[in-house]
Amino acid sequence: MSETTTTPPGGTWSLGDLTVTRVGYGAMQLAGPGVMGPPADRDAALAVLRETTALGITHIDTAGAYGPRVTNQLIREALHPYPASLHIVTKVGAVRDEQGGWPPARRPEELVRAVHENLDDLGLDTLDVVNLRLGDASGPRPGSLAEPFETVAELQQQGLIRHLGVSNATPEQVTEAQTIAPIVCVQNMYNLAHRQDDELIDELAARDVAYVPFFPLGGFTPLQSTALSTVATRLNSTPMSVALSWLLTRSPNILLIPGTSSVTHLRENATGAGLTLSEADLSELDKIGDR
């Protein structure tokens, strides 16, 4: 394991009674191509996970659908028994099909099975945070989440889950979830170029609920912007670091979970997000979004 003692920028945030670093790590890319099957280099994947704790990261995001079940098993192999400071956030509500799709799996029996599989694969008795994944691969979809969210809330009451969240959700679904049980986070697609959740982020911040953008760097199609590149050049940094720093600056309730299968990139993400952006930088970057 690296002897690095770097502390991620951005400070910490409380997910209920759990304190996590605002710069976390998303484990999706540790699985094989298309987030299916084992990694091409298992030792490299384990090294990335071990480096997260060496860097002081205390928030790892995963899901049983990654692999499927591959990333959770890698996390257990690399880090179990877990440091007391480390908190793992997982998702239920989707599975994988043979074509690599992400069909929904939100019937009560499917959610119960998914929670138990997460517990088994991670080697835990209780999951720190479980996000209910809604919508589909193309984004959020309207409709009530009552039945599936009531199911995960019941599993929480049974002591299998500490805290709940929702993922890929509309603002209306976030509001509905909060009428059923408290949530500590919302995980939606959001980045410099996709700003559709601006109002939701501010509403959640006022209620001390975290917002966790997935695809913070554009996902499978990296962010491309002349303005982003210009700011990065001016700061002698990279577009990736600028995009992450902008998210940390955007609102104190935003938590980052950039993913990578490279120790080098993990270190760059963990430290690069600490750039100081001036008002002029922020003004230039804000023009990119599609609000």
C-alpha atoms as a PDB file:
ATOM      1  CA  MET A   1       0.000   0.000   0.000  1.00  0.00           C
ATOM      2  CA  SER A   2       1.166   3.533  -0.706  1.00  0.00           C
ATOM      3  CA  GLU A   3       2.533   5.579   2.193  1.00  0.00           C
ATOM      4  CA  THR A   4       0.717   8.655   0.831  1.00  0.00           C
ATOM      5  CA  THR A   5      -0.830  10.773   3.557  1.00  0.00           C
ATOM      6  CA  THR A   6      -2.684  13.256   1.360  1.00  0.00           C
ATOM      7  CA  THR A   7      -6.060  14.371   2.689  1.00  0.00           C
ATOM      8  CA  PRO A   8      -8.729  14.869  -0.006  1.00  0.00           C
ATOM      9  CA  PRO A   9      -9.901  18.476  -0.430  1.00  0.00           C
ATOM     10  CA  GLY A  10     -13.374  19.730   0.340  1.00  0.00           C
ATOM     11  CA  GLY A  11     -13.657  18.622   3.936  1.00  0.00           C
ATOM     12  CA  THR A  12     -16.377  16.254   5.088  1.00  0.00           C
ATOM     13  CA  TRP A  13     -20.150  15.827   5.058  1.00  0.00           C
ATOM     14  CA  SER A  14     -22.518  13.914   7.315  1.00  0.00           C
ATOM     15  CA  LEU A  15     -24.722  11.205   5.840  1.00  0.00           C
ATOM     16  CA  GLY A  16     -26.948  10.935   8.872  1.00  0.00           C
ATOM     17  CA  ASP A  17     -24.576   9.858  11.638  1.00  0.00           C
ATOM     18  CA  LEU A  18     -21.831   8.872   9.162  1.00  0.00           C
ATOM     19  CA  THR A  19     -19.052  11.330   8.361  1.00  0.00           C
ATOM     20  CA  VAL A  20     -17.535  10.982   4.889  1.00  0.00           C
ATOM     21  CA  THR A  21     -14.977  12.881   2.871  1.00  0.00           C
ATOM     22  CA  ARG A  22     -16.601  15.011   0.182  1.00  0.00           C
ATOM     23  CA  VAL A  23     -14.132  13.526  -2.296  1.00  0.00           C
ATOM     24  CA  GLY A  24     -15.001   9.842  -2.518  1.00  0.00           C
ATOM     25  CA  TYR A  25     -14.453   7.049  -5.003  1.00  0.00           C
ATOM     26  CA  GLY A  26     -16.850   5.361  -7.429  1.00  0.00           C
ATOM     27  CA  ALA A  27     -16.008   1.688  -7.957  1.00  0.00           C
ATOM     28  CA  MET A  28     -17.950   1.047 -11.178  1.00  0.00           C
ATOM     29  CA  GLN A  29     -14.878   1.067 -13.430  1.00  0.00           C
ATOM     30  CA  LEU A  30     -13.214  -1.755 -11.495  1.00  0.00           C
ATOM     31  CA  ALA A  31     -15.345  -4.359 -13.287  1.00  0.00           C
ATOM     32  CA  GLY A  32     -14.556  -5.560 -16.796  1.00  0.00           C
ATOM     33  CA  PRO A  33     -15.504  -3.902 -20.104  1.00  0.00           C
ATOM     34  CA  GLY A  34     -19.059  -2.587 -20.096  1.00  0.00           C
ATOM     35  CA  VAL A  35     -19.081  -3.009 -16.295  1.00  0.00           C
ATOM     36  CA  MET A  36     -19.379  -6.753 -16.864  1.00  0.00           C
ATOM     37  CA  GLY A  37     -17.174  -9.545 -15.573  1.00  0.00           C
ATOM     38  CA  PRO A  38     -13.864  -9.414 -13.727  1.00  0.00           C
ATOM     39  CA  PRO A  39     -11.235  -6.706 -14.247  1.00  0.00           C
ATOM     40  CA  ALA A  40      -8.493  -7.293 -16.785  1.00  0.00           C
ATOM     41  CA  ASP A  41      -5.940  -6.758 -14.012  1.00  0.00           C
ATOM     42  CA  ARG A  42      -7.235  -7.908 -10.641  1.00  0.00           C
ATOM     43  CA  ASP A  43      -4.132  -6.840  -8.742  1.00  0.00           C
ATOM     44  CA  ALA A  44      -4.409  -3.330 -10.192  1.00  0.00           C
ATOM     45  CA  ALA A  45      -8.067  -3.130  -9.139  1.00  0.00           C
ATOM     46  CA  LEU A  46      -7.213  -4.182  -5.593  1.00  0.00           C
ATOM     47  CA  ALA A  47      -4.373  -1.639  -5.518  1.00  0.00           C
ATOM     48  CA  VAL A  48      -6.791   1.166  -6.442  1.00  0.00           C
ATOM     49  CA  LEU A  49      -9.120   0.230  -3.600  1.00  0.00           C
ATOM     50  CA  ARG A  50      -6.298   0.065  -1.073  1.00  0.00           C
ATOM     51  CA  GLU A  51      -5.040   3.426  -2.248  1.00  0.00           C
ATOM     52  CA  THR A  52      -8.409   5.017  -1.462  1.00  0.00           C
ATOM     53  CA  THR A  53      -7.889   4.509   2.246  1.00  0.00           C
ATOM     54  CA  ALA A  54      -4.216   5.514   1.964  1.00  0.00           C
ATOM     55  CA  LEU A  55      -5.389   8.825   0.514  1.00  0.00           C
ATOM     56  CA  GLY A  56      -7.809   9.381   3.385  1.00  0.00           C
ATOM     57  CA  ILE A  57     -10.960   8.751   1.319  1.00  0.00           C
ATOM     58  CA  THR A  58     -13.791   7.496   3.538  1.00  0.00           C
ATOM     59  CA  HIS A  59     -16.624   7.198   0.972  1.00  0.00           C
ATOM     60  CA  ILE A  60     -16.768   4.386  -1.600  1.00  0.00           C
ATOM     61  CA  ASP A  61     -19.730   4.071  -3.941  1.00  0.00           C
ATOM     62  CA  THR A  62     -20.631   0.709  -5.448  1.00  0.00           C
ATOM     63  CA  ALA A  63     -23.535  -1.496  -6.552  1.00  0.00           C
ATOM     64  CA  GLY A  64     -24.287  -5.177  -6.763  1.00  0.00           C
ATOM     65  CA  ALA A  65     -25.044  -4.690 -10.472  1.00  0.00           C
ATOM     66  CA  TYR A  66     -21.409  -3.797 -11.192  1.00  0.00           C
ATOM     67  CA  GLY A  67     -19.977  -6.973 -12.630  1.00  0.00           C
ATOM     68  CA  PRO A  68     -22.553  -8.087 -11.469  1.00  0.00           C
ATOM     69  CA  ARG A  69     -21.298  -8.547  -7.884  1.00  0.00           C
ATOM     70  CA  VAL A  70     -17.670  -8.179  -8.994  1.00  0.00           C
ATOM     71  CA  THR A  71     -16.849  -4.783  -7.501  1.00  0.00           C
ATOM     72  CA  ASN A  72     -18.397  -5.632  -4.132  1.00  0.00           C
ATOM     73  CA  GLN A  73     -16.305  -8.768  -3.919  1.00  0.00           C
ATOM     74  CA  LEU A  74     -13.179  -6.801  -4.864  1.00  0.00           C
ATOM     75  CA  ILE A  75     -13.937  -4.241  -2.166  1.00  0.00           C
ATOM     76  CA  ARG A  76     -14.215  -7.001   0.412  1.00  0.00           C
ATOM     77  CA  GLU A  77     -11.001  -8.685  -0.726  1.00  0.00           C
ATOM     78  CA  ALA A  78      -9.053  -5.429  -0.696  1.00  0.00           C
ATOM     79  CA  LEU A  79     -10.352  -3.712   2.427  1.00  0.00           C
ATOM     80  CA  HIS A  80     -12.139  -6.124   4.792  1.00  0.00           C
ATOM     81  CA  PRO A  81     -12.035  -5.812   7.785  1.00  0.00           C
ATOM     82  CA  TYR A  82     -12.932  -2.221   7.008  1.00  0.00           C
ATOM     83  CA  PRO A  83     -11.448   0.795   8.799  1.00  0.00           C
ATOM     84  CA  ALA A  84     -14.007   2.299  11.170  1.00  0.00           C
ATOM     85  CA  SER A  85     -13.858   5.561   9.214  1.00  0.00           C
ATOM     86  CA  LEU A  86     -14.737   3.959   5.849  1.00  0.00           C
ATOM     87  CA  HIS A  87     -18.360   4.020   4.678  1.00  0.00           C
ATOM     88  CA  ILE A  88     -19.651   2.095   1.676  1.00  0.00           C
ATOM     89  CA  VAL A  89     -22.695   3.310  -0.231  1.00  0.00           C
ATOM     90  CA  THR A  90     -24.424   0.845  -2.526  1.00  0.00           C
ATOM     91  CA  LYS A  91     -27.427   0.748  -4.871  1.00  0.00           C
ATOM     92  CA  VAL A  92     -30.316  -1.612  -5.508  1.00  0.00           C
ATOM     93  CA  GLY A  93     -33.093  -1.504  -8.076  1.00  0.00           C
ATOM     94  CA  ALA A  94     -31.365  -2.711 -11.253  1.00  0.00           C
ATOM     95  CA  VAL A  95     -29.685  -5.880 -12.450  1.00  0.00           C
ATOM     96  CA  ARG A  96     -27.694  -6.829 -15.548  1.00  0.00           C
ATOM     97  CA  ASP A  97     -28.912  -8.866 -18.496  1.00  0.00           C
ATOM     98  CA  GLU A  98     -26.873 -10.995 -20.878  1.00  0.00           C
ATOM     99  CA  GLN A  99     -26.683  -8.108 -23.355  1.00  0.00           C
ATOM    100  CA  GLY A 100     -25.120  -5.837 -20.757  1.00  0.00           C
ATOM    101  CA  GLY A 101     -28.309  -3.865 -20.172  1.00  0.00           C
ATOM    102  CA  TRP A 102     -29.556  -2.499 -16.855  1.00  0.00           C
ATOM    103  CA  PRO A 103     -33.173  -3.678 -16.530  1.00  0.00           C
ATOM    104  CA  PRO A 104     -35.047  -2.517 -13.431  1.00  0.00           C
ATOM    105  CA  ALA A 105     -35.418  -4.923 -10.508  1.00  0.00           C
ATOM    106  CA  ARG A 106     -37.642  -3.131  -8.044  1.00  0.00           C
ATOM    107  CA  ARG A 107     -40.176  -5.762  -6.997  1.00  0.00           C
ATOM    108  CA  PRO A 108     -40.066  -6.395  -3.237  1.00  0.00           C
ATOM    109  CA  GLU A 109     -38.491  -9.840  -3.576  1.00  0.00           C
ATOM    110  CA  GLU A 110     -35.832  -8.467  -5.957  1.00  0.00           C
ATOM    111  CA  LEU A 111     -34.897  -5.686  -3.547  1.00  0.00           C
ATOM    112  CA  VAL A 112     -34.711  -8.054  -0.583  1.00  0.00           C
ATOM    113  CA  ARG A 113     -32.447 -10.377  -2.558  1.00  0.00           C
ATOM    114  CA  ALA A 114     -30.253  -7.466  -3.693  1.00  0.00           C
ATOM    115  CA  VAL A 115     -29.759  -6.182  -0.155  1.00  0.00           C
ATOM    116  CA  HIS A 116     -28.766  -9.639   1.097  1.00  0.00           C
ATOM    117  CA  GLU A 117     -26.374 -10.117  -1.835  1.00  0.00           C
ATOM    118  CA  ASN A 118     -24.730  -6.780  -1.035  1.00  0.00           C
ATOM    119  CA  LEU A 119     -24.364  -7.790   2.599  1.00  0.00           C
ATOM    120  CA  ASP A 120     -22.850 -11.148   1.658  1.00  0.00           C
ATOM    121  CA  ASP A 121     -20.472  -9.829  -0.995  1.00  0.00           C
ATOM    122  CA  LEU A 122     -19.250  -6.923   1.134  1.00  0.00           C
ATOM    123  CA  GLY A 123     -19.003  -9.027   4.305  1.00  0.00           C
ATOM    124  CA  LEU A 124     -21.264  -6.757   6.329  1.00  0.00           C
ATOM    125  CA  ASP A 125     -24.131  -7.202   8.767  1.00  0.00           C
ATOM    126  CA  THR A 126     -25.557  -3.759   7.990  1.00  0.00           C
ATOM    127  CA  LEU A 127     -25.185  -1.584   4.900  1.00  0.00           C
ATOM    128  CA  ASP A 128     -24.233   2.028   5.650  1.00  0.00           C
ATOM    129  CA  VAL A 129     -26.308   3.614   2.867  1.00  0.00           C
ATOM    130  CA  VAL A 130     -28.513   2.054   0.199  1.00  0.00           C
ATOM    131  CA  ASN A 131     -29.721   4.106  -2.752  1.00  0.00           C
ATOM    132  CA  LEU A 132     -32.853   2.956  -4.563  1.00  0.00           C
ATOM    133  CA  ARG A 133     -32.093   3.266  -8.273  1.00  0.00           C
ATOM    134  CA  LEU A 134     -35.053   4.522 -10.287  1.00  0.00           C
ATOM    135  CA  GLY A 135     -35.686   5.312 -13.947  1.00  0.00           C
ATOM    136  CA  ASP A 136     -33.663   3.459 -16.557  1.00  0.00           C
ATOM    137  CA  ALA A 137     -30.370   3.694 -18.414  1.00  0.00           C
ATOM    138  CA  SER A 138     -31.562   6.781 -20.291  1.00  0.00           C
ATOM    139  CA  GLY A 139     -32.352   8.745 -17.133  1.00  0.00           C
ATOM    140  CA  PRO A 140     -35.082   9.391 -14.552  1.00  0.00           C
ATOM    141  CA  ARG A 141     -38.671   8.488 -15.371  1.00  0.00           C
ATOM    142  CA  PRO A 142     -41.784   9.900 -13.691  1.00  0.00           C
ATOM    143  CA  GLY A 143     -43.935   7.731 -11.472  1.00  0.00           C
ATOM    144  CA  SER A 144     -44.451   6.764  -7.870  1.00  0.00           C
ATOM    145  CA  LEU A 145     -41.606   5.105  -5.971  1.00  0.00           C
ATOM    146  CA  ALA A 146     -43.838   4.194  -3.026  1.00  0.00           C
ATOM    147  CA  GLU A 147     -43.788   0.406  -3.289  1.00  0.00           C
ATOM    148  CA  PRO A 148     -40.025  -0.110  -3.781  1.00  0.00           C
ATOM    149  CA  PHE A 149     -39.064   2.624  -1.342  1.00  0.00           C
ATOM    150  CA  GLU A 150     -41.372   1.213   1.305  1.00  0.00           C
ATOM    151  CA  THR A 151     -39.593  -2.120   0.813  1.00  0.00           C
ATOM    152  CA  VAL A 152     -36.107  -0.693   1.444  1.00  0.00           C
ATOM    153  CA  ALA A 153     -37.493   1.350   4.350  1.00  0.00           C
ATOM    154  CA  GLU A 154     -38.777  -1.899   5.884  1.00  0.00           C
ATOM    155  CA  LEU A 155     -35.314  -3.453   5.457  1.00  0.00           C
ATOM    156  CA  GLN A 156     -33.924  -0.417   7.237  1.00  0.00           C
ATOM    157  CA  GLN A 157     -36.332  -1.020  10.118  1.00  0.00           C
ATOM    158  CA  GLN A 158     -35.054  -4.604  10.264  1.00  0.00           C
ATOM    159  CA  GLY A 159     -31.540  -3.280  10.872  1.00  0.00           C
ATOM    160  CA  LEU A 160     -30.075  -4.305   7.510  1.00  0.00           C
ATOM    161  CA  ILE A 161     -29.607  -0.709   6.318  1.00  0.00           C
ATOM    162  CA  ARG A 162     -28.550   2.374   8.287  1.00  0.00           C
ATOM    163  CA  HIS A 163     -29.533   5.124   5.866  1.00  0.00           C
ATOM    164  CA  LEU A 164     -31.481   5.470   2.618  1.00  0.00           C
ATOM    165  CA  GLY A 165     -31.105   7.483  -0.553  1.00  0.00           C
ATOM    166  CA  VAL A 166     -32.455   7.587  -4.085  1.00  0.00           C
ATOM    167  CA  SER A 167     -30.666   7.535  -7.423  1.00  0.00           C
ATOM    168  CA  ASN A 168     -31.669   8.558 -10.956  1.00  0.00           C
ATOM    169  CA  ALA A 169     -34.698  10.285  -9.447  1.00  0.00           C
ATOM    170  CA  THR A 170     -36.969  13.160 -10.417  1.00  0.00           C
ATOM    171  CA  PRO A 171     -37.487  15.997  -7.914  1.00  0.00           C
ATOM    172  CA  GLU A 172     -41.031  14.717  -7.372  1.00  0.00           C
ATOM    173  CA  GLN A 173     -39.719  11.262  -6.477  1.00  0.00           C
ATOM    174  CA  VAL A 174     -37.248  12.803  -4.025  1.00  0.00           C
ATOM    175  CA  THR A 175     -40.127  14.600  -2.318  1.00  0.00           C
ATOM    176  CA  GLU A 176     -42.232  11.439  -2.254  1.00  0.00           C
ATOM    177  CA  ALA A 177     -39.384   9.408  -0.747  1.00  0.00           C
ATOM    178  CA  GLN A 178     -39.064  11.899   2.095  1.00  0.00           C
ATOM    179  CA  THR A 179     -42.707  11.372   3.008  1.00  0.00           C
ATOM    180  CA  ILE A 180     -41.992   7.652   3.497  1.00  0.00           C
ATOM    181  CA  ALA A 181     -38.616   7.691   5.276  1.00  0.00           C
ATOM    182  CA  PRO A 182     -35.709  10.115   5.741  1.00  0.00           C
ATOM    183  CA  ILE A 183     -33.078  10.154   3.009  1.00  0.00           C
ATOM    184  CA  VAL A 184     -29.461  11.222   3.381  1.00  0.00           C
ATOM    185  CA  CYS A 185     -28.501  11.535  -0.294  1.00  0.00           C
ATOM    186  CA  VAL A 186     -29.669  11.849  -3.881  1.00  0.00           C
ATOM    187  CA  GLN A 187     -27.465  10.441  -6.625  1.00  0.00           C
ATOM    188  CA  ASN A 188     -28.215  11.798 -10.097  1.00  0.00           C
ATOM    189  CA  MET A 189     -26.335  12.631 -13.274  1.00  0.00           C
ATOM    190  CA  TYR A 190     -24.880  16.122 -12.985  1.00  0.00           C
ATOM    191  CA  ASN A 191     -21.757  17.917 -14.135  1.00  0.00           C
ATOM    192  CA  LEU A 192     -20.610  21.198 -15.652  1.00  0.00           C
ATOM    193  CA  ALA A 193     -22.398  20.451 -18.911  1.00  0.00           C
ATOM    194  CA  HIS A 194     -25.582  18.944 -17.443  1.00  0.00           C
ATOM    195  CA  ARG A 195     -27.112  21.301 -14.901  1.00  0.00           C
ATOM    196  CA  GLN A 196     -30.740  20.154 -14.828  1.00  0.00           C
ATOM    197  CA  ASP A 197     -30.684  19.553 -11.062  1.00  0.00           C
ATOM    198  CA  ASP A 198     -29.478  23.018  -9.997  1.00  0.00           C
ATOM    199  CA  GLU A 199     -32.695  23.841  -8.151  1.00  0.00           C
ATOM    200  CA  LEU A 200     -32.856  20.402  -6.534  1.00  0.00           C
ATOM    201  CA  ILE A 201     -29.275  20.702  -5.264  1.00  0.00           C
ATOM    202  CA  ASP A 202     -30.072  23.974  -3.527  1.00  0.00           C
ATOM    203  CA  GLU A 203     -33.254  22.561  -1.986  1.00  0.00           C
ATOM    204  CA  LEU A 204     -31.381  19.536  -0.662  1.00  0.00           C
ATOM    205  CA  ALA A 205     -28.576  21.690   0.731  1.00  0.00           C
ATOM    206  CA  ALA A 206     -31.130  23.624   2.758  1.00  0.00           C
ATOM    207  CA  ARG A 207     -32.232  20.306   4.307  1.00  0.00           C
ATOM    208  CA  ASP A 208     -28.698  18.957   4.871  1.00  0.00           C
ATOM    209  CA  VAL A 209     -29.209  16.197   2.298  1.00  0.00           C
ATOM    210  CA  ALA A 210     -26.200  15.283   0.165  1.00  0.00           C
ATOM    211  CA  TYR A 211     -26.239  15.403  -3.614  1.00  0.00           C
ATOM    212  CA  VAL A 212     -23.885  12.926  -5.280  1.00  0.00           C
ATOM    213  CA  PRO A 213     -23.386  13.485  -9.017  1.00  0.00           C
ATOM    214  CA  PHE A 214     -22.635  10.428 -11.073  1.00  0.00           C
ATOM    215  CA  PHE A 215     -20.701  10.988 -14.286  1.00  0.00           C
ATOM    216  CA  PRO A 216     -19.113  14.088 -12.701  1.00  0.00           C
ATOM    217  CA  LEU A 217     -16.603  14.151 -15.545  1.00  0.00           C
ATOM    218  CA  GLY A 218     -19.078  13.373 -18.326  1.00  0.00           C
ATOM    219  CA  GLY A 219     -19.186   9.598 -17.968  1.00  0.00           C
ATOM    220  CA  PHE A 220     -18.297   7.472 -20.952  1.00  0.00           C
ATOM    221  CA  THR A 221     -18.079  10.641 -23.060  1.00  0.00           C
ATOM    222  CA  PRO A 222     -15.647  12.949 -21.242  1.00  0.00           C
ATOM    223  CA  LEU A 223     -16.540  16.609 -20.880  1.00  0.00           C
ATOM    224  CA  GLN A 224     -15.440  18.617 -23.903  1.00  0.00           C
ATOM    225  CA  SER A 225     -15.493  22.395 -23.613  1.00  0.00           C
ATOM    226  CA  THR A 226     -13.300  25.205 -24.861  1.00  0.00           C
ATOM    227  CA  ALA A 227     -14.106  27.201 -21.712  1.00  0.00           C
ATOM    228  CA  LEU A 228     -13.122  24.278 -19.489  1.00  0.00           C
ATOM    229  CA  SER A 229      -9.845  23.803 -21.337  1.00  0.00           C
ATOM    230  CA  THR A 230      -9.124  27.535 -21.201  1.00  0.00           C
ATOM    231  CA  VAL A 231      -9.588  27.695 -17.431  1.00  0.00           C
ATOM    232  CA  ALA A 232      -7.495  24.549 -16.964  1.00  0.00           C
ATOM    233  CA  THR A 233      -4.651  25.977 -19.032  1.00  0.00           C
ATOM    234  CA  ARG A 234      -4.781  29.261 -17.124  1.00  0.00           C
ATOM    235  CA  LEU A 235      -4.521  27.361 -13.814  1.00  0.00           C
ATOM    236  CA  ASN A 236      -1.816  25.025 -15.122  1.00  0.00           C
ATOM    237  CA  SER A 237      -4.124  22.116 -14.352  1.00  0.00           C
ATOM    238  CA  THR A 238      -6.297  19.595 -16.182  1.00  0.00           C
ATOM    239  CA  PRO A 239      -9.910  19.887 -17.362  1.00  0.00           C
ATOM    240  CA  MET A 240     -10.737  16.944 -15.084  1.00  0.00           C
ATOM    241  CA  SER A 241      -9.415  18.692 -11.984  1.00  0.00           C
ATOM    242  CA  VAL A 242     -11.221  21.911 -12.868  1.00  0.00           C
ATOM    243  CA  ALA A 243     -14.519  20.071 -13.396  1.00  0.00           C
ATOM    244  CA  LEU A 244     -14.220  18.350 -10.004  1.00  0.00           C
ATOM    245  CA  SER A 245     -13.209  21.563  -8.261  1.00  0.00           C
ATOM    246  CA  TRP A 246     -16.204  23.335  -9.763  1.00  0.00           C
ATOM    247  CA  LEU A 247     -18.505  20.688  -8.278  1.00  0.00           C
ATOM    248  CA  LEU A 248     -16.993  21.062  -4.809  1.00  0.00           C
ATOM    249  CA  THR A 249     -17.405  24.827  -5.097  1.00  0.00           C
ATOM    250  CA  ARG A 250     -20.938  24.611  -6.487  1.00  0.00           C
ATOM    251  CA  SER A 251     -22.548  23.613  -3.188  1.00  0.00           C
ATOM    252  CA  PRO A 252     -21.303  22.276   0.171  1.00  0.00           C
ATOM    253  CA  ASN A 253     -23.662  19.262  -0.016  1.00  0.00           C
ATOM    254  CA  ILE A 254     -22.116  17.904  -3.234  1.00  0.00           C
ATOM    255  CA  LEU A 255     -20.069  14.733  -2.728  1.00  0.00           C
ATOM    256  CA  LEU A 256     -17.792  13.472  -5.489  1.00  0.00           C
ATOM    257  CA  ILE A 257     -17.433   9.848  -6.573  1.00  0.00           C
ATOM    258  CA  PRO A 258     -15.191   9.957  -9.668  1.00  0.00           C
ATOM    259  CA  GLY A 259     -14.273   6.491 -10.831  1.00  0.00           C
ATOM    260  CA  THR A 260     -11.050   5.111 -12.223  1.00  0.00           C
ATOM    261  CA  SER A 261      -9.187   1.827 -12.514  1.00  0.00           C
ATOM    262  CA  SER A 262      -5.804   3.574 -12.229  1.00  0.00           C
ATOM    263  CA  VAL A 263      -3.957   4.434  -9.020  1.00  0.00           C
ATOM    264  CA  THR A 264      -2.371   7.402 -10.805  1.00  0.00           C
ATOM    265  CA  HIS A 265      -5.739   8.805 -11.862  1.00  0.00           C
ATOM    266  CA  LEU A 266      -7.168   8.152  -8.403  1.00  0.00           C
ATOM    267  CA  ARG A 267      -4.426  10.288  -6.865  1.00  0.00           C
ATOM    268  CA  GLU A 268      -4.969  13.001  -9.471  1.00  0.00           C
ATOM    269  CA  ASN A 269      -8.708  13.064  -8.753  1.00  0.00           C
ATOM    270  CA  ALA A 270      -8.228  13.086  -4.985  1.00  0.00           C
ATOM    271  CA  THR A 271      -5.788  15.991  -4.969  1.00  0.00           C
ATOM    272  CA  GLY A 272      -6.687  17.837  -8.178  1.00  0.00           C
ATOM    273  CA  ALA A 273     -10.173  18.685  -6.949  1.00  0.00           C
ATOM    274  CA  GLY A 274      -8.570  21.085  -4.482  1.00  0.00           C
ATOM    275  CA  LEU A 275      -7.982  23.848  -7.020  1.00  0.00           C
ATOM    276  CA  THR A 276      -9.031  27.334  -5.988  1.00  0.00           C
ATOM    277  CA  LEU A 277     -11.335  28.807  -8.613  1.00  0.00           C
ATOM    278  CA  SER A 278     -11.654  32.577  -8.848  1.00  0.00           C
ATOM    279  CA  GLU A 279     -14.910  34.416  -9.466  1.00  0.00           C
ATOM    280  CA  ALA A 280     -13.757  34.935 -13.055  1.00  0.00           C
ATOM    281  CA  ASP A 281     -13.099  31.196 -13.431  1.00  0.00           C
ATOM    282  CA  LEU A 282     -16.514  30.323 -12.017  1.00  0.00           C
ATOM    283  CA  SER A 283     -18.263  32.844 -14.247  1.00  0.00           C
ATOM    284  CA  GLU A 284     -16.585  31.390 -17.316  1.00  0.00           C
ATOM    285  CA  LEU A 285     -17.367  27.807 -16.301  1.00  0.00           C
ATOM    286  CA  ASP A 286     -20.991  28.573 -15.444  1.00  0.00           C
ATOM    287  CA  LYS A 287     -21.617  29.480 -19.080  1.00  0.00           C
ATOM    288  CA  ILE A 288     -21.057  25.843 -20.076  1.00  0.00           C
ATOM    289  CA  GLY A 289     -24.147  24.383 -18.393  1.00  0.00           C
ATOM    290  CA  ASP A 290     -27.496  23.471 -19.990  1.00  0.00           C
ATOM    291  CA  ARG A 291     -29.666  24.769 -17.165  1.00  0.00           C
END
